[in-house]
Amino acid sequence: MKKLYCFDFDGTLTYKDTMFLYLKFYNPSKFRVQFVRHIPLFILLKLKLAETEKVKKSFIGSILKGQLQTKIEEKSKQFFEENYPKIVRENALDFIHNMDRQNTESLMVTASLDIWAKPFAEKLQMNLVSTKAEFKNGIFTGNFIGKNCNGKEKLERIKKEISDGKYDKIIAFGDTSGDKAMLKWANEGHYQFFH
């Protein structure tokens, strides 16, 4: 029996959204200034009057744009070391550690950027399907490669990732409306399973 597990990251495996945690960790003073500057955009987002992808790009870019890839990767390692496993839900960790790894593939599917999600995926022995940061000449452009990995895009990315794979059972875990498409598509969709 060949199985595929798809785990959302923020809120499903973790207690908190890692984007704010990481950006604050990266540069606390810049984070505070930019957070205040972005409050009007965050409000528009809540009211569904702004596009998630645009606001996200603007906020992440305001802190990380122009930074060296080597520095970003170094900071991501430090962020991981400081936050793992404390931000990961204990029962999610138990579940992952006790999974039968034979004939099983696991994906971490997240709207978070590969920048800071990668060390978590590696530690949990999962392939990462995420929003991708664009680097040019070793410097972060502030842009993404492709779309924000959320909603229908999550499903598109999973399908691309497994294009040649045949699975007897697909099991997905999520905790927000951004995971709906993935949960619906899976044979077994679990909503807030680890909460």
N, C-alpha and C. Protein backbone atom coordinates (compact mmCIF):
# COMPACT_ATOMS: atom_id res chain seq x y z
N MET A 1 0.84 -1.20 0.00
CA MET A 1 0.00 0.00 0.00
C MET A 1 0.88 1.25 0.00
N LYS A 2 0.81 2.02 -1.07
CA LYS A 2 1.65 3.22 -1.17
C LYS A 2 0.86 4.45 -0.71
N LYS A 3 1.45 5.15 0.26
CA LYS A 3 0.74 6.30 0.84
C LYS A 3 1.47 7.61 0.60
N LEU A 4 0.67 8.66 0.49
CA LEU A 4 1.24 10.00 0.42
C LEU A 4 0.60 10.84 1.53
N TYR A 5 1.46 11.43 2.34
CA TYR A 5 0.98 12.34 3.39
C TYR A 5 1.30 13.77 2.96
N CYS A 6 0.32 14.66 3.09
CA CYS A 6 0.52 16.08 2.80
C CYS A 6 0.21 16.88 4.07
N PHE A 7 1.22 17.53 4.61
CA PHE A 7 1.04 18.31 5.83
C PHE A 7 1.17 19.81 5.54
N ASP A 8 0.17 20.57 5.93
CA ASP A 8 0.33 22.01 5.96
C ASP A 8 1.30 22.28 7.12
N PHE A 9 1.99 23.41 7.08
CA PHE A 9 3.02 23.70 8.10
C PHE A 9 2.51 24.66 9.19
N ASP A 10 2.26 25.92 8.81
CA ASP A 10 1.86 26.93 9.79
C ASP A 10 0.49 26.67 10.40
N GLY A 11 0.46 26.49 11.70
CA GLY A 11 -0.81 26.29 12.38
C GLY A 11 -1.23 24.83 12.44
N THR A 12 -0.81 24.03 11.45
CA THR A 12 -1.14 22.60 11.48
C THR A 12 -0.07 21.84 12.25
N LEU A 13 1.18 21.99 11.82
CA LEU A 13 2.29 21.34 12.53
C LEU A 13 2.84 22.25 13.63
N THR A 14 2.67 23.56 13.44
CA THR A 14 3.23 24.51 14.43
C THR A 14 2.10 25.19 15.20
N TYR A 15 2.48 25.81 16.32
CA TYR A 15 1.50 26.55 17.12
C TYR A 15 1.25 27.93 16.54
N LYS A 16 2.27 28.45 15.83
CA LYS A 16 2.19 29.83 15.35
C LYS A 16 2.57 29.93 13.89
N ASP A 17 2.23 31.09 13.31
CA ASP A 17 2.62 31.38 11.94
C ASP A 17 4.11 31.71 11.95
N THR A 18 4.88 31.02 11.15
CA THR A 18 6.34 31.19 11.21
C THR A 18 6.84 32.43 10.47
N MET A 19 6.03 32.99 9.57
CA MET A 19 6.50 34.16 8.82
C MET A 19 6.86 35.31 9.76
N PHE A 20 5.93 35.67 10.63
CA PHE A 20 6.19 36.78 11.55
C PHE A 20 7.33 36.44 12.50
N LEU A 21 7.35 35.20 12.98
CA LEU A 21 8.42 34.77 13.89
C LEU A 21 9.79 34.91 13.24
N TYR A 22 9.88 34.45 12.00
CA TYR A 22 11.18 34.48 11.30
C TYR A 22 11.62 35.90 11.00
N LEU A 23 10.71 36.72 10.49
CA LEU A 23 11.08 38.09 10.11
C LEU A 23 11.48 38.90 11.33
N LYS A 24 10.82 38.64 12.45
CA LYS A 24 11.15 39.33 13.71
C LYS A 24 12.53 38.87 14.19
N PHE A 25 12.78 37.59 14.03
CA PHE A 25 14.06 37.01 14.42
C PHE A 25 15.18 37.57 13.54
N TYR A 26 14.89 37.75 12.27
CA TYR A 26 15.89 38.20 11.30
C TYR A 26 16.38 39.61 11.60
N ASN A 27 15.43 40.49 11.88
CA ASN A 27 15.79 41.89 12.17
C ASN A 27 14.69 42.53 13.03
N PRO A 28 14.80 42.40 14.36
CA PRO A 28 13.72 42.85 15.26
C PRO A 28 13.32 44.32 15.08
N SER A 29 14.30 45.22 14.94
CA SER A 29 13.95 46.64 14.86
C SER A 29 13.26 46.97 13.53
N LYS A 30 13.79 46.41 12.44
CA LYS A 30 13.18 46.63 11.13
C LYS A 30 11.78 46.01 11.10
N PHE A 31 11.65 44.86 11.75
CA PHE A 31 10.36 44.17 11.80
C PHE A 31 9.30 45.07 12.44
N ARG A 32 9.65 45.68 13.58
CA ARG A 32 8.69 46.53 14.29
C ARG A 32 8.23 47.70 13.42
N VAL A 33 9.19 48.37 12.80
CA VAL A 33 8.88 49.52 11.94
C VAL A 33 7.97 49.10 10.78
N GLN A 34 8.36 48.02 10.09
CA GLN A 34 7.60 47.59 8.91
C GLN A 34 6.24 47.01 9.28
N PHE A 35 6.17 46.39 10.46
CA PHE A 35 4.89 45.84 10.91
C PHE A 35 3.88 46.98 11.06
N VAL A 36 4.31 48.04 11.73
CA VAL A 36 3.45 49.21 11.93
C VAL A 36 3.05 49.81 10.58
N ARG A 37 4.03 49.94 9.68
CA ARG A 37 3.76 50.47 8.34
C ARG A 37 2.74 49.64 7.57
N HIS A 38 2.77 48.32 7.81
CA HIS A 38 1.89 47.43 7.05
C HIS A 38 0.52 47.21 7.69
N ILE A 39 0.29 47.78 8.87
CA ILE A 39 -1.00 47.57 9.54
C ILE A 39 -2.20 47.89 8.62
N PRO A 40 -2.18 49.05 7.91
CA PRO A 40 -3.32 49.32 7.01
C PRO A 40 -3.54 48.19 5.99
N LEU A 41 -2.44 47.64 5.46
CA LEU A 41 -2.56 46.54 4.49
C LEU A 41 -3.09 45.28 5.15
N PHE A 42 -2.64 45.00 6.38
CA PHE A 42 -3.13 43.81 7.10
C PHE A 42 -4.63 43.93 7.35
N ILE A 43 -5.09 45.15 7.62
CA ILE A 43 -6.53 45.38 7.85
C ILE A 43 -7.31 45.12 6.55
N LEU A 44 -6.80 45.66 5.44
CA LEU A 44 -7.45 45.43 4.15
C LEU A 44 -7.51 43.93 3.82
N LEU A 45 -6.46 43.23 4.21
CA LEU A 45 -6.38 41.80 3.98
C LEU A 45 -7.49 41.08 4.75
N LYS A 46 -7.63 41.44 6.02
CA LYS A 46 -8.68 40.86 6.87
C LYS A 46 -10.07 41.12 6.28
N LEU A 47 -10.23 42.31 5.67
CA LEU A 47 -11.52 42.67 5.08
C LEU A 47 -11.65 42.12 3.65
N LYS A 48 -10.65 41.35 3.24
CA LYS A 48 -10.60 40.76 1.90
C LYS A 48 -10.59 41.83 0.79
N LEU A 49 -9.96 42.96 1.09
CA LEU A 49 -9.88 44.04 0.10
C LEU A 49 -8.46 44.18 -0.47
N ALA A 50 -7.60 43.27 -0.07
CA ALA A 50 -6.23 43.27 -0.61
C ALA A 50 -5.85 41.83 -0.93
N GLU A 51 -4.92 41.69 -1.86
CA GLU A 51 -4.48 40.34 -2.23
C GLU A 51 -3.40 39.85 -1.28
N THR A 52 -3.59 38.66 -0.76
CA THR A 52 -2.63 38.06 0.18
C THR A 52 -1.22 38.10 -0.38
N GLU A 53 -1.09 37.66 -1.63
CA GLU A 53 0.25 37.55 -2.23
C GLU A 53 0.96 38.91 -2.26
N LYS A 54 0.23 39.96 -2.63
CA LYS A 54 0.84 41.29 -2.72
C LYS A 54 1.28 41.81 -1.36
N VAL A 55 0.42 41.64 -0.37
CA VAL A 55 0.73 42.12 0.99
C VAL A 55 1.92 41.35 1.55
N LYS A 56 1.89 40.05 1.31
CA LYS A 56 2.96 39.18 1.79
C LYS A 56 4.31 39.56 1.16
N LYS A 57 4.30 39.76 -0.15
CA LYS A 57 5.52 40.16 -0.87
C LYS A 57 6.05 41.48 -0.32
N SER A 58 5.14 42.41 -0.14
CA SER A 58 5.51 43.74 0.34
C SER A 58 6.15 43.65 1.73
N PHE A 59 5.52 42.87 2.61
CA PHE A 59 6.01 42.79 3.99
C PHE A 59 7.35 42.04 4.08
N ILE A 60 7.42 40.90 3.42
CA ILE A 60 8.67 40.12 3.44
C ILE A 60 9.79 40.93 2.78
N GLY A 61 9.47 41.54 1.63
CA GLY A 61 10.45 42.33 0.90
C GLY A 61 10.97 43.51 1.70
N SER A 62 10.08 44.12 2.50
CA SER A 62 10.47 45.29 3.29
C SER A 62 11.56 44.95 4.32
N ILE A 63 11.68 43.67 4.64
CA ILE A 63 12.68 43.25 5.63
C ILE A 63 13.86 42.49 4.99
N LEU A 64 13.55 41.68 3.98
CA LEU A 64 14.59 40.80 3.43
C LEU A 64 15.15 41.18 2.05
N LYS A 65 14.47 42.07 1.34
CA LYS A 65 14.93 42.42 -0.01
C LYS A 65 16.35 42.99 0.04
N GLY A 66 17.19 42.52 -0.90
CA GLY A 66 18.56 43.01 -0.96
C GLY A 66 19.53 42.28 -0.04
N GLN A 67 19.00 41.34 0.74
CA GLN A 67 19.86 40.58 1.66
C GLN A 67 20.57 39.45 0.91
N LEU A 68 21.76 39.12 1.38
CA LEU A 68 22.53 38.03 0.78
C LEU A 68 21.89 36.68 1.08
N GLN A 69 21.88 35.82 0.08
CA GLN A 69 21.32 34.47 0.25
C GLN A 69 22.06 33.73 1.36
N THR A 70 23.38 33.89 1.43
CA THR A 70 24.17 33.19 2.45
C THR A 70 23.75 33.63 3.85
N LYS A 71 23.49 34.94 4.02
CA LYS A 71 23.07 35.44 5.33
C LYS A 71 21.68 34.92 5.68
N ILE A 72 20.78 34.94 4.69
CA ILE A 72 19.41 34.46 4.89
C ILE A 72 19.43 32.98 5.30
N GLU A 73 20.25 32.18 4.62
CA GLU A 73 20.32 30.75 4.94
C GLU A 73 20.90 30.51 6.32
N GLU A 74 21.90 31.29 6.67
CA GLU A 74 22.51 31.20 8.00
C GLU A 74 21.48 31.52 9.08
N LYS A 75 20.75 32.62 8.87
CA LYS A 75 19.71 33.04 9.82
C LYS A 75 18.60 31.99 9.92
N SER A 76 18.29 31.34 8.80
CA SER A 76 17.24 30.31 8.80
C SER A 76 17.65 29.11 9.64
N LYS A 77 18.94 28.76 9.57
CA LYS A 77 19.46 27.66 10.40
C LYS A 77 19.34 28.02 11.86
N GLN A 78 19.76 29.24 12.19
CA GLN A 78 19.70 29.69 13.59
C GLN A 78 18.25 29.73 14.09
N PHE A 79 17.36 30.21 13.22
CA PHE A 79 15.93 30.28 13.56
C PHE A 79 15.39 28.89 13.87
N PHE A 80 15.77 27.93 13.00
CA PHE A 80 15.35 26.55 13.20
C PHE A 80 15.88 26.01 14.55
N GLU A 81 17.16 26.22 14.78
CA GLU A 81 17.77 25.70 16.01
C GLU A 81 17.13 26.29 17.26
N GLU A 82 16.73 27.55 17.18
CA GLU A 82 16.10 28.19 18.33
C GLU A 82 14.66 27.78 18.54
N ASN A 83 13.99 27.38 17.48
CA ASN A 83 12.55 27.14 17.57
C ASN A 83 12.09 25.70 17.46
N TYR A 84 13.02 24.81 17.08
CA TYR A 84 12.65 23.40 16.99
C TYR A 84 13.12 22.68 18.23
N PRO A 85 12.30 21.84 18.89
CA PRO A 85 10.91 21.53 18.49
C PRO A 85 9.84 22.40 19.17
N LYS A 86 10.23 23.45 19.89
CA LYS A 86 9.23 24.11 20.75
C LYS A 86 8.02 24.71 20.02
N ILE A 87 8.17 25.12 18.75
CA ILE A 87 6.98 25.67 18.08
C ILE A 87 6.16 24.59 17.36
N VAL A 88 6.66 23.35 17.39
CA VAL A 88 5.93 22.26 16.71
C VAL A 88 5.02 21.56 17.72
N ARG A 89 3.80 21.31 17.30
CA ARG A 89 2.82 20.63 18.18
C ARG A 89 3.32 19.24 18.54
N GLU A 90 3.29 18.91 19.82
CA GLU A 90 3.82 17.61 20.30
C GLU A 90 3.13 16.43 19.62
N ASN A 91 1.79 16.50 19.52
CA ASN A 91 1.09 15.34 18.93
C ASN A 91 1.36 15.23 17.43
N ALA A 92 1.70 16.34 16.78
CA ALA A 92 2.09 16.27 15.37
C ALA A 92 3.45 15.57 15.26
N LEU A 93 4.36 15.93 16.17
CA LEU A 93 5.68 15.29 16.18
C LEU A 93 5.56 13.79 16.44
N ASP A 94 4.73 13.43 17.41
CA ASP A 94 4.51 12.01 17.72
C ASP A 94 4.01 11.27 16.49
N PHE A 95 3.03 11.88 15.85
CA PHE A 95 2.42 11.26 14.66
C PHE A 95 3.47 11.03 13.58
N ILE A 96 4.28 12.06 13.32
CA ILE A 96 5.31 11.98 12.27
C ILE A 96 6.38 10.94 12.62
N HIS A 97 6.81 10.93 13.89
CA HIS A 97 7.83 9.96 14.31
C HIS A 97 7.32 8.53 14.24
N ASN A 98 6.02 8.34 14.44
CA ASN A 98 5.47 6.99 14.44
C ASN A 98 4.91 6.54 13.10
N MET A 99 5.05 7.39 12.10
CA MET A 99 4.54 7.03 10.77
C MET A 99 5.35 5.87 10.20
N ASP A 100 4.65 4.99 9.54
CA ASP A 100 5.34 3.90 8.86
C ASP A 100 5.97 4.49 7.59
N ARG A 101 7.30 4.50 7.55
CA ARG A 101 7.99 5.17 6.44
C ARG A 101 8.13 4.27 5.20
N GLN A 102 7.70 3.03 5.32
CA GLN A 102 7.81 2.14 4.15
C GLN A 102 6.70 2.45 3.16
N ASN A 103 7.06 2.55 1.90
CA ASN A 103 6.08 2.88 0.85
C ASN A 103 5.31 4.16 1.15
N THR A 104 5.96 5.07 1.85
CA THR A 104 5.29 6.31 2.22
C THR A 104 6.12 7.51 1.79
N GLU A 105 5.42 8.49 1.23
CA GLU A 105 6.09 9.74 0.91
C GLU A 105 5.39 10.84 1.69
N SER A 106 6.17 11.81 2.16
CA SER A 106 5.57 12.90 2.92
C SER A 106 5.97 14.24 2.33
N LEU A 107 4.99 15.12 2.23
CA LEU A 107 5.23 16.47 1.74
C LEU A 107 4.84 17.49 2.80
N MET A 108 5.67 18.51 2.96
CA MET A 108 5.26 19.65 3.76
C MET A 108 4.83 20.70 2.74
N VAL A 109 3.56 21.06 2.79
CA VAL A 109 2.99 21.95 1.79
C VAL A 109 2.64 23.27 2.47
N THR A 110 3.37 24.32 2.14
CA THR A 110 3.21 25.55 2.90
C THR A 110 3.27 26.83 2.06
N ALA A 111 2.49 27.82 2.51
CA ALA A 111 2.55 29.15 1.89
C ALA A 111 3.79 29.89 2.38
N SER A 112 4.39 29.39 3.46
CA SER A 112 5.63 30.00 3.96
C SER A 112 6.73 29.90 2.90
N LEU A 113 7.72 30.77 3.00
CA LEU A 113 8.81 30.73 2.04
C LEU A 113 9.77 29.58 2.33
N ASP A 114 10.32 29.04 1.25
CA ASP A 114 11.32 27.97 1.38
C ASP A 114 12.47 28.42 2.28
N ILE A 115 12.75 29.73 2.27
CA ILE A 115 13.84 30.31 3.06
C ILE A 115 13.89 29.72 4.47
N TRP A 116 12.78 29.83 5.19
CA TRP A 116 12.80 29.38 6.60
C TRP A 116 12.08 28.05 6.84
N ALA A 117 11.31 27.58 5.85
CA ALA A 117 10.59 26.31 6.05
C ALA A 117 11.48 25.09 5.80
N LYS A 118 12.51 25.29 4.95
CA LYS A 118 13.36 24.17 4.52
C LYS A 118 14.00 23.37 5.67
N PRO A 119 14.63 24.03 6.66
CA PRO A 119 15.23 23.24 7.73
C PRO A 119 14.23 22.36 8.50
N PHE A 120 12.98 22.85 8.61
CA PHE A 120 11.94 22.08 9.30
C PHE A 120 11.56 20.85 8.47
N ALA A 121 11.39 21.05 7.18
CA ALA A 121 11.04 19.94 6.28
C ALA A 121 12.13 18.88 6.31
N GLU A 122 13.39 19.33 6.27
CA GLU A 122 14.52 18.38 6.28
C GLU A 122 14.53 17.58 7.58
N LYS A 123 14.34 18.27 8.68
CA LYS A 123 14.35 17.60 9.99
C LYS A 123 13.24 16.56 10.08
N LEU A 124 12.07 16.89 9.52
CA LEU A 124 10.92 15.98 9.60
C LEU A 124 10.90 14.97 8.45
N GLN A 125 11.98 14.96 7.66
CA GLN A 125 12.13 14.04 6.52
C GLN A 125 10.98 14.13 5.53
N MET A 126 10.68 15.36 5.14
CA MET A 126 9.61 15.60 4.17
C MET A 126 10.17 16.39 2.99
N ASN A 127 9.55 16.18 1.84
CA ASN A 127 9.88 17.02 0.69
C ASN A 127 9.11 18.33 0.84
N LEU A 128 9.75 19.42 0.52
CA LEU A 128 9.13 20.72 0.72
C LEU A 128 8.44 21.23 -0.55
N VAL A 129 7.18 21.61 -0.39
CA VAL A 129 6.42 22.25 -1.46
C VAL A 129 5.99 23.60 -0.86
N SER A 130 6.59 24.69 -1.34
CA SER A 130 6.37 25.97 -0.65
C SER A 130 6.40 27.14 -1.62
N THR A 131 6.16 28.33 -1.08
CA THR A 131 6.37 29.56 -1.86
C THR A 131 7.89 29.71 -2.00
N LYS A 132 8.33 30.01 -3.21
CA LYS A 132 9.78 30.06 -3.45
C LYS A 132 10.30 31.49 -3.53
N ALA A 133 11.37 31.75 -2.82
CA ALA A 133 12.01 33.07 -2.86
C ALA A 133 12.89 33.17 -4.09
N GLU A 134 12.90 34.34 -4.70
CA GLU A 134 13.73 34.53 -5.90
C GLU A 134 15.05 35.22 -5.53
N PHE A 135 16.13 34.57 -5.91
CA PHE A 135 17.47 35.14 -5.68
C PHE A 135 18.12 35.42 -7.03
N LYS A 136 18.77 36.58 -7.13
CA LYS A 136 19.55 36.88 -8.34
C LYS A 136 20.94 37.26 -7.89
N ASN A 137 21.94 36.59 -8.47
CA ASN A 137 23.34 36.82 -8.07
C ASN A 137 23.52 36.74 -6.55
N GLY A 138 22.83 35.77 -5.95
CA GLY A 138 23.00 35.55 -4.51
C GLY A 138 22.32 36.58 -3.63
N ILE A 139 21.40 37.36 -4.21
CA ILE A 139 20.70 38.38 -3.42
C ILE A 139 19.19 38.22 -3.59
N PHE A 140 18.45 38.33 -2.48
CA PHE A 140 16.99 38.17 -2.52
C PHE A 140 16.36 39.39 -3.20
N THR A 141 15.55 39.13 -4.24
CA THR A 141 14.96 40.22 -5.03
C THR A 141 13.71 40.80 -4.37
N GLY A 142 13.17 40.08 -3.39
CA GLY A 142 11.91 40.51 -2.80
C GLY A 142 10.72 39.90 -3.53
N ASN A 143 11.02 39.15 -4.60
CA ASN A 143 9.96 38.49 -5.36
C ASN A 143 9.90 37.00 -5.08
N PHE A 144 8.81 36.39 -5.56
CA PHE A 144 8.64 34.94 -5.45
C PHE A 144 8.83 34.35 -6.85
N ILE A 145 9.24 33.10 -6.89
CA ILE A 145 9.26 32.37 -8.16
C ILE A 145 7.90 31.67 -8.22
N GLY A 146 7.09 32.07 -9.19
CA GLY A 146 5.74 31.49 -9.26
C GLY A 146 4.83 32.13 -8.22
N LYS A 147 3.72 31.46 -7.95
CA LYS A 147 2.71 32.04 -7.07
C LYS A 147 2.93 31.69 -5.61
N ASN A 148 2.19 32.41 -4.77
CA ASN A 148 2.12 32.10 -3.34
C ASN A 148 1.49 30.71 -3.22
N CYS A 149 2.12 29.82 -2.48
CA CYS A 149 1.66 28.42 -2.40
C CYS A 149 0.52 28.29 -1.38
N ASN A 150 -0.68 28.68 -1.81
CA ASN A 150 -1.83 28.63 -0.92
C ASN A 150 -3.09 28.33 -1.72
N GLY A 151 -4.11 27.81 -1.06
CA GLY A 151 -5.38 27.52 -1.73
C GLY A 151 -5.20 26.54 -2.87
N LYS A 152 -5.77 26.89 -4.03
CA LYS A 152 -5.69 26.00 -5.21
C LYS A 152 -4.26 25.77 -5.65
N GLU A 153 -3.41 26.78 -5.43
CA GLU A 153 -2.00 26.66 -5.83
C GLU A 153 -1.32 25.52 -5.08
N LYS A 154 -1.72 25.29 -3.83
CA LYS A 154 -1.15 24.18 -3.05
C LYS A 154 -1.38 22.86 -3.79
N LEU A 155 -2.60 22.70 -4.24
CA LEU A 155 -2.97 21.47 -4.94
C LEU A 155 -2.21 21.33 -6.26
N GLU A 156 -2.11 22.44 -7.01
CA GLU A 156 -1.36 22.42 -8.27
C GLU A 156 0.08 21.97 -8.03
N ARG A 157 0.68 22.52 -6.97
CA ARG A 157 2.08 22.21 -6.67
C ARG A 157 2.24 20.75 -6.25
N ILE A 158 1.30 20.24 -5.48
CA ILE A 158 1.37 18.83 -5.04
C ILE A 158 1.31 17.95 -6.29
N LYS A 159 0.37 18.24 -7.17
CA LYS A 159 0.21 17.42 -8.38
C LYS A 159 1.47 17.43 -9.23
N LYS A 160 2.13 18.59 -9.32
CA LYS A 160 3.39 18.68 -10.07
C LYS A 160 4.46 17.83 -9.40
N GLU A 161 4.52 17.94 -8.09
CA GLU A 161 5.53 17.24 -7.30
C GLU A 161 5.42 15.72 -7.45
N ILE A 162 4.19 15.22 -7.57
CA ILE A 162 3.98 13.76 -7.60
C ILE A 162 3.57 13.27 -8.99
N SER A 163 3.83 14.09 -10.01
CA SER A 163 3.31 13.80 -11.35
C SER A 163 3.46 12.34 -11.79
N ASP A 164 4.56 11.70 -11.39
CA ASP A 164 4.74 10.31 -11.86
C ASP A 164 4.38 9.29 -10.78
N GLY A 165 3.91 9.77 -9.63
CA GLY A 165 3.63 8.86 -8.52
C GLY A 165 2.21 8.33 -8.53
N LYS A 166 2.06 7.07 -8.17
CA LYS A 166 0.73 6.47 -8.02
C LYS A 166 0.60 6.06 -6.56
N TYR A 167 -0.46 6.56 -5.94
CA TYR A 167 -0.64 6.27 -4.52
C TYR A 167 -1.97 5.58 -4.28
N ASP A 168 -1.97 4.63 -3.35
CA ASP A 168 -3.21 3.94 -2.99
C ASP A 168 -4.04 4.83 -2.08
N LYS A 169 -3.32 5.65 -1.31
CA LYS A 169 -4.04 6.50 -0.37
C LYS A 169 -3.29 7.82 -0.16
N ILE A 170 -4.06 8.93 -0.22
CA ILE A 170 -3.48 10.24 0.03
C ILE A 170 -4.16 10.84 1.25
N ILE A 171 -3.35 11.21 2.22
CA ILE A 171 -3.86 11.73 3.49
C ILE A 171 -3.32 13.14 3.69
N ALA A 172 -4.22 14.10 3.90
CA ALA A 172 -3.80 15.49 4.04
C ALA A 172 -4.25 16.09 5.37
N PHE A 173 -3.43 17.02 5.87
CA PHE A 173 -3.70 17.69 7.14
C PHE A 173 -3.60 19.20 6.93
N GLY A 174 -4.62 19.92 7.38
CA GLY A 174 -4.60 21.38 7.25
C GLY A 174 -5.38 22.04 8.37
N ASP A 175 -5.33 23.37 8.41
CA ASP A 175 -6.05 24.05 9.51
C ASP A 175 -6.73 25.35 9.11
N THR A 176 -6.67 25.73 7.82
CA THR A 176 -7.33 26.97 7.40
C THR A 176 -8.00 26.78 6.04
N SER A 177 -8.70 27.82 5.60
CA SER A 177 -9.38 27.76 4.30
C SER A 177 -8.37 27.60 3.16
N GLY A 178 -7.13 28.03 3.37
CA GLY A 178 -6.08 27.86 2.37
C GLY A 178 -5.71 26.42 2.10
N ASP A 179 -6.19 25.52 2.97
CA ASP A 179 -5.90 24.08 2.82
C ASP A 179 -7.08 23.30 2.25
N LYS A 180 -8.20 24.00 2.05
CA LYS A 180 -9.45 23.31 1.63
C LYS A 180 -9.30 22.47 0.37
N ALA A 181 -8.69 23.06 -0.66
CA ALA A 181 -8.55 22.34 -1.94
C ALA A 181 -7.77 21.05 -1.75
N MET A 182 -6.69 21.14 -0.97
CA MET A 182 -5.84 19.97 -0.71
C MET A 182 -6.61 18.91 0.10
N LEU A 183 -7.34 19.35 1.12
CA LEU A 183 -8.08 18.43 1.99
C LEU A 183 -9.19 17.72 1.22
N LYS A 184 -9.86 18.46 0.33
CA LYS A 184 -10.96 17.90 -0.46
C LYS A 184 -10.45 16.84 -1.44
N TRP A 185 -9.28 17.15 -2.01
CA TRP A 185 -8.70 16.28 -3.04
C TRP A 185 -8.17 14.96 -2.46
N ALA A 186 -7.66 15.01 -1.25
CA ALA A 186 -7.08 13.81 -0.64
C ALA A 186 -8.16 12.76 -0.35
N ASN A 187 -7.74 11.48 -0.24
CA ASN A 187 -8.70 10.44 0.13
C ASN A 187 -9.18 10.67 1.57
N GLU A 188 -8.25 11.17 2.37
CA GLU A 188 -8.57 11.47 3.77
C GLU A 188 -8.09 12.88 4.06
N GLY A 189 -8.99 13.79 4.35
CA GLY A 189 -8.61 15.16 4.69
C GLY A 189 -8.90 15.43 6.16
N HIS A 190 -7.86 15.77 6.91
CA HIS A 190 -8.04 16.01 8.34
C HIS A 190 -7.86 17.51 8.65
N TYR A 191 -8.92 18.09 9.22
CA TYR A 191 -8.92 19.52 9.53
C TYR A 191 -8.61 19.72 11.04
N GLN A 192 -7.58 20.50 11.32
CA GLN A 192 -7.17 20.78 12.72
C GLN A 192 -7.02 19.49 13.54
N PHE A 193 -6.47 18.50 12.91
CA PHE A 193 -6.31 17.15 13.51
C PHE A 193 -5.40 17.18 14.74
N PHE A 194 -4.37 18.00 14.71
CA PHE A 194 -3.38 17.99 15.81
C PHE A 194 -3.69 19.05 16.87
N HIS A 195 -4.79 19.80 16.68
CA HIS A 195 -5.10 20.88 17.63
C HIS A 195 -5.56 20.33 18.98
